[in-house]
Amino acid sequence: VRDEIAKPSIGDKKYLRFLPLLLTIFFFIWVSNLIGLIPSFPGLMGNVSVTIALAGMVLIITLVIGSKHYWEHVLWMPGVPAWVKIFILTPIELVGVVQRPFILMVRIFANIVAGHIVITSFVCLIFIFGALSEVGGWGFSPVSVLFTLFMYAMELLVSFLQAFVFTLLTAVYIGTCVEEGHHHQEQHH
C-alpha cells in the first residue's frame, strides 16, 4: 500500500499523513470481502449502505483537505473566460467532485454482488436440473461444483483487487486534493 499506492499517488512528502487511512481502507475491504466468501457470513461490501459509508468518508475527506490550488481549479480555473467558468466548467467540475466517490461505491458493490450472484446461480443449477430429473441433478452436480470452486478462486482474486482499486482511487483523489500548484507566477518588471 505504501510503495504501490500512497507514494506514487499522493507524493513522497505528503503520503505519510494519509497512510494510516489508506491501510485501514485496504484491509477493511479485503478482510470484509474474504469473510463474505464464507458461507452464511454476511458480505459487507455486498451491502450498499457499507459502500455508501466508505464513499461518503472519501468524499468528506477530499472536501476537507482540498488545497487552495485544488479548489481554485475546481471553482475558478485560471486562464478561462468568466462566462465559460460560470456556466460550463464549474458545474461540470462540481459534479465530478461528487461523482468520483459515487463511482467508487458502485464499482465495489457491483463487482462483489455480481460474483455472489454467479456462485449462487451455479449452485441453483443443480436444483433446476434436479427438478427436471433426478439423473440430471446428479449429472450436473459435478459440473456445478467445479464452476462454483472456480468462481470462489476468482472471488479470492476479486477480493484483493477491489480493495486495491478502491484504495488506489482514494489515494489518487487525495493526491489531487493536496497537490501543489505548478503554475509559474508572472513576474511584472
N, C-alpha and C. Protein backbone atom coordinates (compact mmCIF):
# COMPACT_ATOMS: atom_id res chain seq x y z
N VAL A 1 0.84 -1.19 0.00
CA VAL A 1 0.00 0.00 0.00
C VAL A 1 0.88 1.25 0.00
N ARG A 2 1.92 1.23 0.80
CA ARG A 2 2.80 2.39 0.87
C ARG A 2 3.53 2.63 -0.44
N ASP A 3 4.19 1.57 -0.96
CA ASP A 3 5.05 1.74 -2.12
C ASP A 3 4.31 1.77 -3.46
N GLU A 4 3.19 1.05 -3.55
CA GLU A 4 2.48 0.96 -4.82
C GLU A 4 1.28 1.91 -4.94
N ILE A 5 0.79 2.39 -3.80
CA ILE A 5 -0.40 3.23 -3.84
C ILE A 5 -0.11 4.63 -3.31
N ALA A 6 0.32 4.73 -2.06
CA ALA A 6 0.42 6.04 -1.40
C ALA A 6 1.51 6.93 -2.00
N LYS A 7 2.73 6.42 -2.09
CA LYS A 7 3.83 7.26 -2.61
C LYS A 7 3.60 7.75 -4.03
N PRO A 8 3.26 6.88 -4.98
CA PRO A 8 3.06 7.38 -6.35
C PRO A 8 1.84 8.29 -6.51
N SER A 9 0.80 8.05 -5.72
CA SER A 9 -0.45 8.79 -5.93
C SER A 9 -0.49 10.11 -5.17
N ILE A 10 0.07 10.13 -3.97
CA ILE A 10 -0.02 11.33 -3.14
C ILE A 10 1.28 12.14 -3.19
N GLY A 11 2.38 11.47 -3.31
CA GLY A 11 3.67 12.17 -3.37
C GLY A 11 4.56 11.76 -2.21
N ASP A 12 5.85 11.88 -2.42
CA ASP A 12 6.83 11.44 -1.44
C ASP A 12 6.76 12.17 -0.12
N LYS A 13 6.34 13.42 -0.12
CA LYS A 13 6.38 14.20 1.11
C LYS A 13 5.07 14.17 1.90
N LYS A 14 3.95 13.90 1.24
CA LYS A 14 2.66 14.01 1.91
C LYS A 14 1.98 12.67 2.18
N TYR A 15 2.53 11.58 1.68
CA TYR A 15 1.84 10.30 1.78
C TYR A 15 1.74 9.79 3.21
N LEU A 16 2.71 10.10 4.06
CA LEU A 16 2.71 9.59 5.44
C LEU A 16 1.48 10.03 6.22
N ARG A 17 0.99 11.21 5.94
CA ARG A 17 -0.20 11.73 6.62
C ARG A 17 -1.43 10.87 6.35
N PHE A 18 -1.51 10.29 5.16
CA PHE A 18 -2.70 9.55 4.75
C PHE A 18 -2.50 8.03 4.75
N LEU A 19 -1.30 7.56 5.05
CA LEU A 19 -1.01 6.14 5.02
C LEU A 19 -1.88 5.33 5.99
N PRO A 20 -2.09 5.78 7.24
CA PRO A 20 -2.97 5.00 8.13
C PRO A 20 -4.40 4.86 7.57
N LEU A 21 -4.92 5.92 6.98
CA LEU A 21 -6.26 5.86 6.38
C LEU A 21 -6.28 4.85 5.23
N LEU A 22 -5.29 4.92 4.35
CA LEU A 22 -5.26 4.02 3.20
C LEU A 22 -5.09 2.56 3.63
N LEU A 23 -4.26 2.32 4.62
CA LEU A 23 -4.09 0.96 5.13
C LEU A 23 -5.38 0.44 5.75
N THR A 24 -6.06 1.29 6.49
CA THR A 24 -7.33 0.89 7.11
C THR A 24 -8.37 0.56 6.05
N ILE A 25 -8.49 1.40 5.04
CA ILE A 25 -9.45 1.15 3.96
C ILE A 25 -9.12 -0.16 3.25
N PHE A 26 -7.84 -0.34 2.90
CA PHE A 26 -7.44 -1.54 2.17
C PHE A 26 -7.76 -2.81 2.95
N PHE A 27 -7.31 -2.87 4.20
CA PHE A 27 -7.51 -4.09 4.96
C PHE A 27 -8.96 -4.30 5.38
N PHE A 28 -9.70 -3.23 5.61
CA PHE A 28 -11.12 -3.37 5.91
C PHE A 28 -11.86 -4.00 4.73
N ILE A 29 -11.62 -3.49 3.54
CA ILE A 29 -12.30 -4.01 2.36
C ILE A 29 -11.85 -5.44 2.08
N TRP A 30 -10.55 -5.69 2.14
CA TRP A 30 -10.03 -7.02 1.80
C TRP A 30 -10.54 -8.07 2.78
N VAL A 31 -10.43 -7.81 4.08
CA VAL A 31 -10.87 -8.78 5.08
C VAL A 31 -12.40 -8.95 5.02
N SER A 32 -13.12 -7.86 4.81
CA SER A 32 -14.58 -7.97 4.69
C SER A 32 -14.98 -8.83 3.50
N ASN A 33 -14.27 -8.65 2.39
CA ASN A 33 -14.55 -9.47 1.21
C ASN A 33 -14.23 -10.94 1.46
N LEU A 34 -13.13 -11.21 2.14
CA LEU A 34 -12.77 -12.60 2.44
C LEU A 34 -13.77 -13.24 3.39
N ILE A 35 -14.21 -12.50 4.40
CA ILE A 35 -15.22 -13.03 5.32
C ILE A 35 -16.53 -13.28 4.58
N GLY A 36 -16.86 -12.42 3.61
CA GLY A 36 -18.08 -12.60 2.84
C GLY A 36 -18.07 -13.85 1.98
N LEU A 37 -16.91 -14.45 1.74
CA LEU A 37 -16.84 -15.68 0.95
C LEU A 37 -17.16 -16.92 1.78
N ILE A 38 -17.16 -16.78 3.10
CA ILE A 38 -17.51 -17.90 3.96
C ILE A 38 -19.03 -18.06 3.94
N PRO A 39 -19.52 -19.25 3.61
CA PRO A 39 -20.97 -19.43 3.55
C PRO A 39 -21.64 -19.05 4.87
N SER A 40 -22.76 -18.40 4.78
CA SER A 40 -23.62 -17.91 5.86
C SER A 40 -23.03 -16.72 6.63
N PHE A 41 -21.91 -16.17 6.17
CA PHE A 41 -21.41 -14.93 6.76
C PHE A 41 -21.79 -13.78 5.84
N PRO A 42 -22.12 -12.63 6.42
CA PRO A 42 -22.54 -11.52 5.57
C PRO A 42 -21.35 -10.91 4.84
N GLY A 43 -21.55 -10.61 3.57
CA GLY A 43 -20.55 -9.88 2.81
C GLY A 43 -20.79 -8.39 2.96
N LEU A 44 -19.93 -7.71 3.68
CA LEU A 44 -20.16 -6.29 3.95
C LEU A 44 -20.15 -5.44 2.67
N MET A 45 -19.26 -5.77 1.74
CA MET A 45 -19.18 -4.96 0.53
C MET A 45 -20.34 -5.25 -0.42
N GLY A 46 -21.11 -6.29 -0.15
CA GLY A 46 -22.31 -6.57 -0.91
C GLY A 46 -23.52 -5.82 -0.35
N ASN A 47 -23.29 -5.04 0.70
CA ASN A 47 -24.33 -4.22 1.31
C ASN A 47 -24.08 -2.78 0.90
N VAL A 48 -25.03 -2.21 0.19
CA VAL A 48 -24.82 -0.87 -0.38
C VAL A 48 -24.63 0.19 0.69
N SER A 49 -25.19 -0.01 1.88
CA SER A 49 -25.01 1.00 2.93
C SER A 49 -23.56 1.08 3.40
N VAL A 50 -22.84 -0.03 3.38
CA VAL A 50 -21.42 -0.01 3.77
C VAL A 50 -20.60 0.70 2.70
N THR A 51 -20.88 0.41 1.43
CA THR A 51 -20.12 1.07 0.37
C THR A 51 -20.46 2.55 0.28
N ILE A 52 -21.70 2.92 0.59
CA ILE A 52 -22.06 4.35 0.64
C ILE A 52 -21.29 5.04 1.76
N ALA A 53 -21.18 4.38 2.91
CA ALA A 53 -20.43 4.97 4.02
C ALA A 53 -18.96 5.15 3.67
N LEU A 54 -18.36 4.17 3.02
CA LEU A 54 -16.96 4.31 2.60
C LEU A 54 -16.79 5.43 1.59
N ALA A 55 -17.67 5.48 0.61
CA ALA A 55 -17.59 6.53 -0.41
C ALA A 55 -17.85 7.90 0.20
N GLY A 56 -18.80 7.98 1.13
CA GLY A 56 -19.06 9.25 1.81
C GLY A 56 -17.87 9.72 2.62
N MET A 57 -17.18 8.78 3.24
CA MET A 57 -15.98 9.13 4.00
C MET A 57 -14.90 9.70 3.07
N VAL A 58 -14.72 9.07 1.91
CA VAL A 58 -13.74 9.56 0.94
C VAL A 58 -14.14 10.96 0.46
N LEU A 59 -15.43 11.17 0.21
CA LEU A 59 -15.90 12.48 -0.24
C LEU A 59 -15.63 13.54 0.82
N ILE A 60 -15.96 13.28 2.05
CA ILE A 60 -15.76 14.26 3.13
C ILE A 60 -14.27 14.58 3.29
N ILE A 61 -13.45 13.54 3.26
CA ILE A 61 -12.01 13.77 3.41
C ILE A 61 -11.48 14.63 2.27
N THR A 62 -11.86 14.33 1.04
CA THR A 62 -11.36 15.13 -0.08
C THR A 62 -11.90 16.55 -0.06
N LEU A 63 -13.12 16.74 0.42
CA LEU A 63 -13.65 18.11 0.51
C LEU A 63 -12.92 18.92 1.57
N VAL A 64 -12.56 18.28 2.68
CA VAL A 64 -11.92 18.99 3.79
C VAL A 64 -10.45 19.29 3.52
N ILE A 65 -9.73 18.34 2.91
CA ILE A 65 -8.28 18.52 2.76
C ILE A 65 -7.89 19.24 1.48
N GLY A 66 -8.85 19.58 0.65
CA GLY A 66 -8.54 20.23 -0.62
C GLY A 66 -7.74 21.50 -0.43
N SER A 67 -6.63 21.62 -1.14
CA SER A 67 -5.78 22.80 -1.03
C SER A 67 -6.39 23.97 -1.80
N LYS A 68 -5.82 25.12 -1.60
CA LYS A 68 -6.28 26.32 -2.32
C LYS A 68 -6.15 26.11 -3.83
N HIS A 69 -5.06 25.51 -4.22
CA HIS A 69 -4.82 25.22 -5.64
C HIS A 69 -5.92 24.31 -6.19
N TYR A 70 -6.29 23.28 -5.45
CA TYR A 70 -7.32 22.34 -5.87
C TYR A 70 -8.66 23.06 -6.06
N TRP A 71 -9.08 23.81 -5.05
CA TRP A 71 -10.37 24.48 -5.13
C TRP A 71 -10.38 25.58 -6.18
N GLU A 72 -9.23 26.19 -6.42
CA GLU A 72 -9.14 27.19 -7.47
C GLU A 72 -9.41 26.55 -8.83
N HIS A 73 -8.88 25.37 -9.02
CA HIS A 73 -9.09 24.69 -10.30
C HIS A 73 -10.47 24.06 -10.41
N VAL A 74 -11.12 23.78 -9.31
CA VAL A 74 -12.49 23.25 -9.36
C VAL A 74 -13.49 24.38 -9.57
N LEU A 75 -13.32 25.47 -8.81
CA LEU A 75 -14.33 26.53 -8.81
C LEU A 75 -14.04 27.67 -9.79
N TRP A 76 -12.78 28.01 -9.99
CA TRP A 76 -12.47 29.18 -10.80
C TRP A 76 -11.15 28.96 -11.53
N MET A 77 -11.19 28.24 -12.64
CA MET A 77 -9.99 27.85 -13.37
C MET A 77 -9.28 29.07 -13.93
N PRO A 78 -7.97 29.15 -13.74
CA PRO A 78 -7.23 30.30 -14.27
C PRO A 78 -7.12 30.23 -15.80
N GLY A 79 -7.18 31.39 -16.42
CA GLY A 79 -6.98 31.47 -17.86
C GLY A 79 -8.18 31.12 -18.70
N VAL A 80 -9.36 31.03 -18.11
CA VAL A 80 -10.57 30.68 -18.85
C VAL A 80 -11.54 31.86 -18.74
N PRO A 81 -12.24 32.22 -19.81
CA PRO A 81 -13.20 33.31 -19.73
C PRO A 81 -14.26 33.06 -18.65
N ALA A 82 -14.69 34.14 -18.01
CA ALA A 82 -15.62 34.03 -16.87
C ALA A 82 -16.92 33.33 -17.23
N TRP A 83 -17.50 33.62 -18.39
CA TRP A 83 -18.77 33.01 -18.75
C TRP A 83 -18.63 31.49 -18.93
N VAL A 84 -17.49 31.03 -19.40
CA VAL A 84 -17.26 29.59 -19.55
C VAL A 84 -17.12 28.95 -18.16
N LYS A 85 -16.43 29.65 -17.27
CA LYS A 85 -16.27 29.14 -15.91
C LYS A 85 -17.61 29.00 -15.21
N ILE A 86 -18.42 30.04 -15.28
CA ILE A 86 -19.68 30.08 -14.53
C ILE A 86 -20.69 29.07 -15.07
N PHE A 87 -20.84 29.02 -16.39
CA PHE A 87 -21.93 28.24 -16.97
C PHE A 87 -21.55 26.82 -17.40
N ILE A 88 -20.25 26.56 -17.62
CA ILE A 88 -19.88 25.26 -18.14
C ILE A 88 -18.92 24.51 -17.20
N LEU A 89 -17.74 25.06 -16.99
CA LEU A 89 -16.68 24.31 -16.31
C LEU A 89 -16.93 24.09 -14.82
N THR A 90 -17.34 25.11 -14.10
CA THR A 90 -17.54 24.95 -12.66
C THR A 90 -18.63 23.93 -12.34
N PRO A 91 -19.80 23.99 -13.01
CA PRO A 91 -20.80 22.94 -12.73
C PRO A 91 -20.29 21.53 -13.06
N ILE A 92 -19.56 21.39 -14.16
CA ILE A 92 -19.03 20.08 -14.53
C ILE A 92 -18.02 19.60 -13.48
N GLU A 93 -17.15 20.49 -13.03
CA GLU A 93 -16.16 20.11 -12.02
C GLU A 93 -16.81 19.75 -10.69
N LEU A 94 -17.83 20.49 -10.29
CA LEU A 94 -18.52 20.16 -9.04
C LEU A 94 -19.22 18.80 -9.12
N VAL A 95 -19.81 18.51 -10.26
CA VAL A 95 -20.41 17.19 -10.45
C VAL A 95 -19.32 16.12 -10.38
N GLY A 96 -18.17 16.38 -10.96
CA GLY A 96 -17.06 15.44 -10.93
C GLY A 96 -16.55 15.17 -9.52
N VAL A 97 -16.52 16.20 -8.68
CA VAL A 97 -16.06 16.03 -7.30
C VAL A 97 -16.98 15.08 -6.54
N VAL A 98 -18.28 15.20 -6.74
CA VAL A 98 -19.25 14.35 -6.06
C VAL A 98 -19.35 12.98 -6.73
N GLN A 99 -19.12 12.94 -8.02
CA GLN A 99 -19.29 11.71 -8.79
C GLN A 99 -18.20 10.68 -8.48
N ARG A 100 -16.98 11.12 -8.22
CA ARG A 100 -15.88 10.19 -8.00
C ARG A 100 -16.14 9.21 -6.86
N PRO A 101 -16.53 9.65 -5.67
CA PRO A 101 -16.83 8.66 -4.62
C PRO A 101 -18.03 7.78 -4.96
N PHE A 102 -19.01 8.33 -5.68
CA PHE A 102 -20.15 7.52 -6.09
C PHE A 102 -19.70 6.39 -7.01
N ILE A 103 -18.76 6.67 -7.90
CA ILE A 103 -18.22 5.63 -8.78
C ILE A 103 -17.50 4.57 -7.97
N LEU A 104 -16.75 4.99 -6.94
CA LEU A 104 -16.11 4.02 -6.05
C LEU A 104 -17.13 3.09 -5.43
N MET A 105 -18.23 3.67 -4.95
CA MET A 105 -19.27 2.89 -4.30
C MET A 105 -19.88 1.86 -5.25
N VAL A 106 -20.26 2.30 -6.43
CA VAL A 106 -20.91 1.41 -7.38
C VAL A 106 -19.95 0.32 -7.85
N ARG A 107 -18.68 0.68 -8.06
CA ARG A 107 -17.70 -0.28 -8.56
C ARG A 107 -17.55 -1.46 -7.59
N ILE A 108 -17.31 -1.17 -6.33
CA ILE A 108 -17.07 -2.25 -5.38
C ILE A 108 -18.35 -3.05 -5.11
N PHE A 109 -19.46 -2.36 -4.96
CA PHE A 109 -20.73 -3.04 -4.69
C PHE A 109 -21.11 -3.97 -5.84
N ALA A 110 -21.06 -3.46 -7.06
CA ALA A 110 -21.49 -4.25 -8.22
C ALA A 110 -20.58 -5.46 -8.44
N ASN A 111 -19.29 -5.28 -8.29
CA ASN A 111 -18.38 -6.41 -8.51
C ASN A 111 -18.55 -7.51 -7.48
N ILE A 112 -18.72 -7.14 -6.23
CA ILE A 112 -18.87 -8.15 -5.19
C ILE A 112 -20.22 -8.86 -5.33
N VAL A 113 -21.27 -8.11 -5.56
CA VAL A 113 -22.60 -8.72 -5.71
C VAL A 113 -22.65 -9.61 -6.95
N ALA A 114 -22.02 -9.18 -8.03
CA ALA A 114 -22.03 -9.99 -9.25
C ALA A 114 -21.36 -11.34 -9.02
N GLY A 115 -20.26 -11.35 -8.30
CA GLY A 115 -19.59 -12.62 -8.01
C GLY A 115 -20.47 -13.55 -7.19
N HIS A 116 -21.15 -13.00 -6.19
CA HIS A 116 -22.03 -13.81 -5.36
C HIS A 116 -23.23 -14.34 -6.16
N ILE A 117 -23.73 -13.53 -7.07
CA ILE A 117 -24.86 -13.97 -7.90
C ILE A 117 -24.44 -15.12 -8.82
N VAL A 118 -23.25 -15.03 -9.39
CA VAL A 118 -22.78 -16.10 -10.27
C VAL A 118 -22.60 -17.39 -9.49
N ILE A 119 -22.01 -17.32 -8.30
CA ILE A 119 -21.83 -18.52 -7.48
C ILE A 119 -23.19 -19.12 -7.11
N THR A 120 -24.12 -18.29 -6.69
CA THR A 120 -25.46 -18.77 -6.35
C THR A 120 -26.15 -19.39 -7.56
N SER A 121 -25.96 -18.82 -8.72
CA SER A 121 -26.58 -19.37 -9.94
C SER A 121 -26.06 -20.75 -10.25
N PHE A 122 -24.75 -20.97 -10.10
CA PHE A 122 -24.20 -22.30 -10.35
C PHE A 122 -24.74 -23.33 -9.37
N VAL A 123 -24.89 -22.96 -8.13
CA VAL A 123 -25.45 -23.88 -7.14
C VAL A 123 -26.92 -24.15 -7.45
N CYS A 124 -27.65 -23.13 -7.85
CA CYS A 124 -29.08 -23.30 -8.16
C CYS A 124 -29.31 -24.18 -9.38
N LEU A 125 -28.33 -24.22 -10.28
CA LEU A 125 -28.49 -25.08 -11.46
C LEU A 125 -28.63 -26.55 -11.09
N ILE A 126 -28.01 -26.96 -9.98
CA ILE A 126 -28.16 -28.33 -9.50
C ILE A 126 -29.64 -28.62 -9.23
N PHE A 127 -30.30 -27.69 -8.55
CA PHE A 127 -31.70 -27.89 -8.18
C PHE A 127 -32.62 -27.78 -9.40
N ILE A 128 -32.26 -26.93 -10.33
CA ILE A 128 -33.07 -26.80 -11.55
C ILE A 128 -33.02 -28.09 -12.35
N PHE A 129 -31.79 -28.62 -12.58
CA PHE A 129 -31.68 -29.88 -13.31
C PHE A 129 -32.25 -31.03 -12.51
N GLY A 130 -32.14 -30.95 -11.17
CA GLY A 130 -32.72 -31.99 -10.31
C GLY A 130 -34.23 -32.00 -10.37
N ALA A 131 -34.85 -30.83 -10.57
CA ALA A 131 -36.30 -30.77 -10.69
C ALA A 131 -36.77 -31.37 -12.01
N LEU A 132 -35.92 -31.29 -13.03
CA LEU A 132 -36.27 -31.87 -14.32
C LEU A 132 -36.18 -33.39 -14.27
N SER A 133 -35.11 -33.88 -13.68
CA SER A 133 -34.95 -35.33 -13.49
C SER A 133 -33.86 -35.55 -12.45
N GLU A 134 -33.99 -36.65 -11.74
CA GLU A 134 -33.00 -36.94 -10.70
C GLU A 134 -31.62 -37.18 -11.31
N VAL A 135 -31.60 -37.81 -12.46
CA VAL A 135 -30.32 -38.06 -13.15
C VAL A 135 -29.68 -36.74 -13.59
N GLY A 136 -30.51 -35.81 -14.07
CA GLY A 136 -30.00 -34.50 -14.48
C GLY A 136 -29.37 -33.76 -13.33
N GLY A 137 -30.01 -33.82 -12.15
CA GLY A 137 -29.47 -33.14 -10.97
C GLY A 137 -28.15 -33.72 -10.54
N TRP A 138 -28.10 -35.06 -10.46
CA TRP A 138 -26.85 -35.72 -10.06
C TRP A 138 -25.79 -35.59 -11.15
N GLY A 139 -26.22 -35.60 -12.40
CA GLY A 139 -25.28 -35.49 -13.52
C GLY A 139 -24.65 -34.11 -13.62
N PHE A 140 -25.43 -33.07 -13.33
CA PHE A 140 -24.90 -31.71 -13.44
C PHE A 140 -24.18 -31.27 -12.17
N SER A 141 -24.35 -31.97 -11.08
CA SER A 141 -23.73 -31.58 -9.81
C SER A 141 -22.21 -31.42 -9.90
N PRO A 142 -21.47 -32.36 -10.48
CA PRO A 142 -20.01 -32.16 -10.55
C PRO A 142 -19.61 -30.93 -11.36
N VAL A 143 -20.33 -30.69 -12.46
CA VAL A 143 -20.04 -29.52 -13.28
C VAL A 143 -20.30 -28.25 -12.48
N SER A 144 -21.41 -28.21 -11.79
CA SER A 144 -21.77 -27.04 -10.99
C SER A 144 -20.76 -26.81 -9.86
N VAL A 145 -20.35 -27.89 -9.21
CA VAL A 145 -19.38 -27.76 -8.12
C VAL A 145 -18.05 -27.25 -8.66
N LEU A 146 -17.61 -27.74 -9.81
CA LEU A 146 -16.35 -27.26 -10.40
C LEU A 146 -16.43 -25.78 -10.76
N PHE A 147 -17.54 -25.38 -11.38
CA PHE A 147 -17.71 -23.96 -11.70
C PHE A 147 -17.77 -23.10 -10.43
N THR A 148 -18.42 -23.59 -9.40
CA THR A 148 -18.51 -22.86 -8.15
C THR A 148 -17.14 -22.71 -7.51
N LEU A 149 -16.35 -23.79 -7.50
CA LEU A 149 -14.99 -23.71 -6.96
C LEU A 149 -14.12 -22.74 -7.76
N PHE A 150 -14.28 -22.75 -9.08
CA PHE A 150 -13.56 -21.80 -9.92
C PHE A 150 -13.96 -20.37 -9.58
N MET A 151 -15.26 -20.13 -9.40
CA MET A 151 -15.72 -18.78 -9.06
C MET A 151 -15.24 -18.36 -7.68
N TYR A 152 -15.16 -19.29 -6.74
CA TYR A 152 -14.60 -18.95 -5.43
C TYR A 152 -13.15 -18.53 -5.55
N ALA A 153 -12.39 -19.23 -6.39
CA ALA A 153 -11.00 -18.84 -6.62
C ALA A 153 -10.94 -17.45 -7.25
N MET A 154 -11.83 -17.18 -8.18
CA MET A 154 -11.89 -15.84 -8.78
C MET A 154 -12.28 -14.79 -7.74
N GLU A 155 -13.19 -15.14 -6.86
CA GLU A 155 -13.62 -14.20 -5.82
C GLU A 155 -12.48 -13.87 -4.86
N LEU A 156 -11.58 -14.82 -4.62
CA LEU A 156 -10.40 -14.53 -3.80
C LEU A 156 -9.57 -13.44 -4.47
N LEU A 157 -9.38 -13.55 -5.77
CA LEU A 157 -8.64 -12.53 -6.53
C LEU A 157 -9.40 -11.21 -6.54
N VAL A 158 -10.70 -11.28 -6.78
CA VAL A 158 -11.52 -10.06 -6.82
C VAL A 158 -11.52 -9.37 -5.46
N SER A 159 -11.50 -10.13 -4.37
CA SER A 159 -11.45 -9.54 -3.03
C SER A 159 -10.24 -8.64 -2.87
N PHE A 160 -9.10 -9.14 -3.32
CA PHE A 160 -7.88 -8.35 -3.23
C PHE A 160 -7.92 -7.17 -4.21
N LEU A 161 -8.32 -7.44 -5.46
CA LEU A 161 -8.33 -6.38 -6.47
C LEU A 161 -9.27 -5.24 -6.11
N GLN A 162 -10.44 -5.56 -5.56
CA GLN A 162 -11.37 -4.49 -5.18
C GLN A 162 -10.81 -3.64 -4.06
N ALA A 163 -10.15 -4.27 -3.10
CA ALA A 163 -9.51 -3.49 -2.02
C ALA A 163 -8.41 -2.62 -2.60
N PHE A 164 -7.62 -3.19 -3.51
CA PHE A 164 -6.53 -2.44 -4.12
C PHE A 164 -7.05 -1.26 -4.94
N VAL A 165 -8.04 -1.50 -5.79
CA VAL A 165 -8.56 -0.44 -6.67
C VAL A 165 -9.23 0.67 -5.85
N PHE A 166 -10.04 0.30 -4.86
CA PHE A 166 -10.70 1.31 -4.03
C PHE A 166 -9.65 2.17 -3.32
N THR A 167 -8.63 1.53 -2.76
CA THR A 167 -7.58 2.26 -2.05
C THR A 167 -6.77 3.12 -3.02
N LEU A 168 -6.46 2.58 -4.19
CA LEU A 168 -5.70 3.34 -5.18
C LEU A 168 -6.47 4.58 -5.64
N LEU A 169 -7.74 4.43 -5.96
CA LEU A 169 -8.52 5.58 -6.40
C LEU A 169 -8.70 6.60 -5.28
N THR A 170 -8.85 6.12 -4.05
CA THR A 170 -8.90 7.05 -2.91
C THR A 170 -7.61 7.84 -2.81
N ALA A 171 -6.48 7.17 -2.96
CA ALA A 171 -5.18 7.85 -2.90
C ALA A 171 -5.02 8.84 -4.05
N VAL A 172 -5.50 8.49 -5.22
CA VAL A 172 -5.43 9.41 -6.36
C VAL A 172 -6.28 10.66 -6.08
N TYR A 173 -7.47 10.47 -5.54
CA TYR A 173 -8.32 11.61 -5.22
C TYR A 173 -7.68 12.49 -4.14
N ILE A 174 -7.10 11.86 -3.14
CA ILE A 174 -6.41 12.62 -2.09
C ILE A 174 -5.20 13.34 -2.68
N GLY A 175 -4.44 12.66 -3.53
CA GLY A 175 -3.29 13.28 -4.17
C GLY A 175 -3.66 14.50 -5.00
N THR A 176 -4.80 14.42 -5.67
CA THR A 176 -5.29 15.56 -6.44
C THR A 176 -5.63 16.73 -5.53
N CYS A 177 -6.19 16.44 -4.36
CA CYS A 177 -6.61 17.50 -3.44
C CYS A 177 -5.44 18.19 -2.76
N VAL A 178 -4.35 17.48 -2.51
CA VAL A 178 -3.24 18.08 -1.77
C VAL A 178 -2.10 18.51 -2.68
N GLU A 179 -2.28 18.36 -3.97
CA GLU A 179 -1.24 18.72 -4.92
C GLU A 179 -1.00 20.23 -4.90
N GLU A 180 0.25 20.58 -4.95
CA GLU A 180 0.61 22.00 -5.00
C GLU A 180 0.51 22.50 -6.43
N GLY A 181 0.33 23.81 -6.58
CA GLY A 181 0.22 24.41 -7.89
C GLY A 181 1.51 24.32 -8.68
N HIS A 182 1.39 24.16 -9.98
CA HIS A 182 2.56 24.08 -10.85
C HIS A 182 2.65 25.30 -11.75
N HIS A 183 1.77 26.26 -11.53
CA HIS A 183 1.78 27.44 -12.39
C HIS A 183 2.89 28.38 -11.95
N HIS A 184 3.56 28.93 -12.92
CA HIS A 184 4.59 29.92 -12.63
C HIS A 184 3.92 31.28 -12.54
N GLN A 185 4.22 31.98 -11.50
CA GLN A 185 3.65 33.31 -11.33
C GLN A 185 4.29 34.25 -12.34
N GLU A 186 3.46 35.04 -12.95
CA GLU A 186 4.00 36.02 -13.89
C GLU A 186 4.73 37.10 -13.12
N GLN A 187 5.88 37.45 -13.60
CA GLN A 187 6.66 38.48 -12.94
C GLN A 187 6.47 39.80 -13.68
N HIS A 188 6.16 40.81 -12.91
CA HIS A 188 5.98 42.14 -13.52
C HIS A 188 7.26 42.91 -13.31
N HIS A 189 7.76 43.47 -14.41
CA HIS A 189 9.02 44.23 -14.33
C HIS A 189 8.73 45.70 -14.20
